[in-house]
Every structure is written in structure tokens, then in C-alpha cells.
């Protein structure tokens, strides 16, 4: 699933700034810029799972992040979006686990693992396997 260069660059710029934000007010200002950018892209017909997955990654509240990841997952249709589905499902597994929702966490991790077998991201596949092994 192709990402336009300008979208990639803007999201990565904001993500880098978020990682480097030194104060909470800076973080939230940048987070809100990323949210506004995601909403703007959706409104002009350029919606993409990359936008929402990135926003969810920077959402500090697990319960608030889950619906954002689900929005990304909904946009990740077709074979070309398989890596997004794997990544988003794994992120959902991690968020559910952190909330103590082991049944949901395991279900998302298994779904991620099933599809991960057909992608080239060996590091992500390893992380998913370790997650499932840790769950017992």
C-alpha cells in the first residue's frame, strides 16, 4: 500500500519531534498537530492506515489508542496492506495486554502471527512469537 512521499515525510517529521519533545506541553502540541494532519488527510480523501497507526503509537492512553488502531486496521485492506494489518494487530495485542485483557491480547497476537508468516519483516515476526510465548 503506497504512501505518498509528502505524507511520509510530514508524519515522520512529527513523529521525530514527538520522540524528542522535552516537555509535556510540547508533546501534546505536536500530538495535536499529528491528529489534525491525519484528519485533514482523511477529509481530502487521502486516508491511509500509516496515519492512524502512527497516531495510535503516540497515544499514551491504552484505552484511547485502541479505537485509533482499529481505524487503521479498517483501512488496511488487500494483500498490499498485509504488513500494516500485522503491525496494527500486534500493537492491539500489546495495548490489550497492558490493560490486563489477556484473551483479547492473545486473539490479536494470533491473528498477527497468522498473517506475519507471509511478510518479510523478520523482526516483527520474532516480536510476535516472543509475545505469544510469554503469554504461555
Foldseek 3Di string as FASTA:
>chain_A
DDDDPVVVVVLVVLLVQLVVDDDPVSNVVSLVVLVVVQVVCVVVPNHALVSLLSSLVSDPQLVVSLVSLVVSCVRQDDPVSLVSLLVSLQVNLVSCVVVVNNVSSLVSLVVSLVSVVPDDPVVSNVVSVVVNVVSD
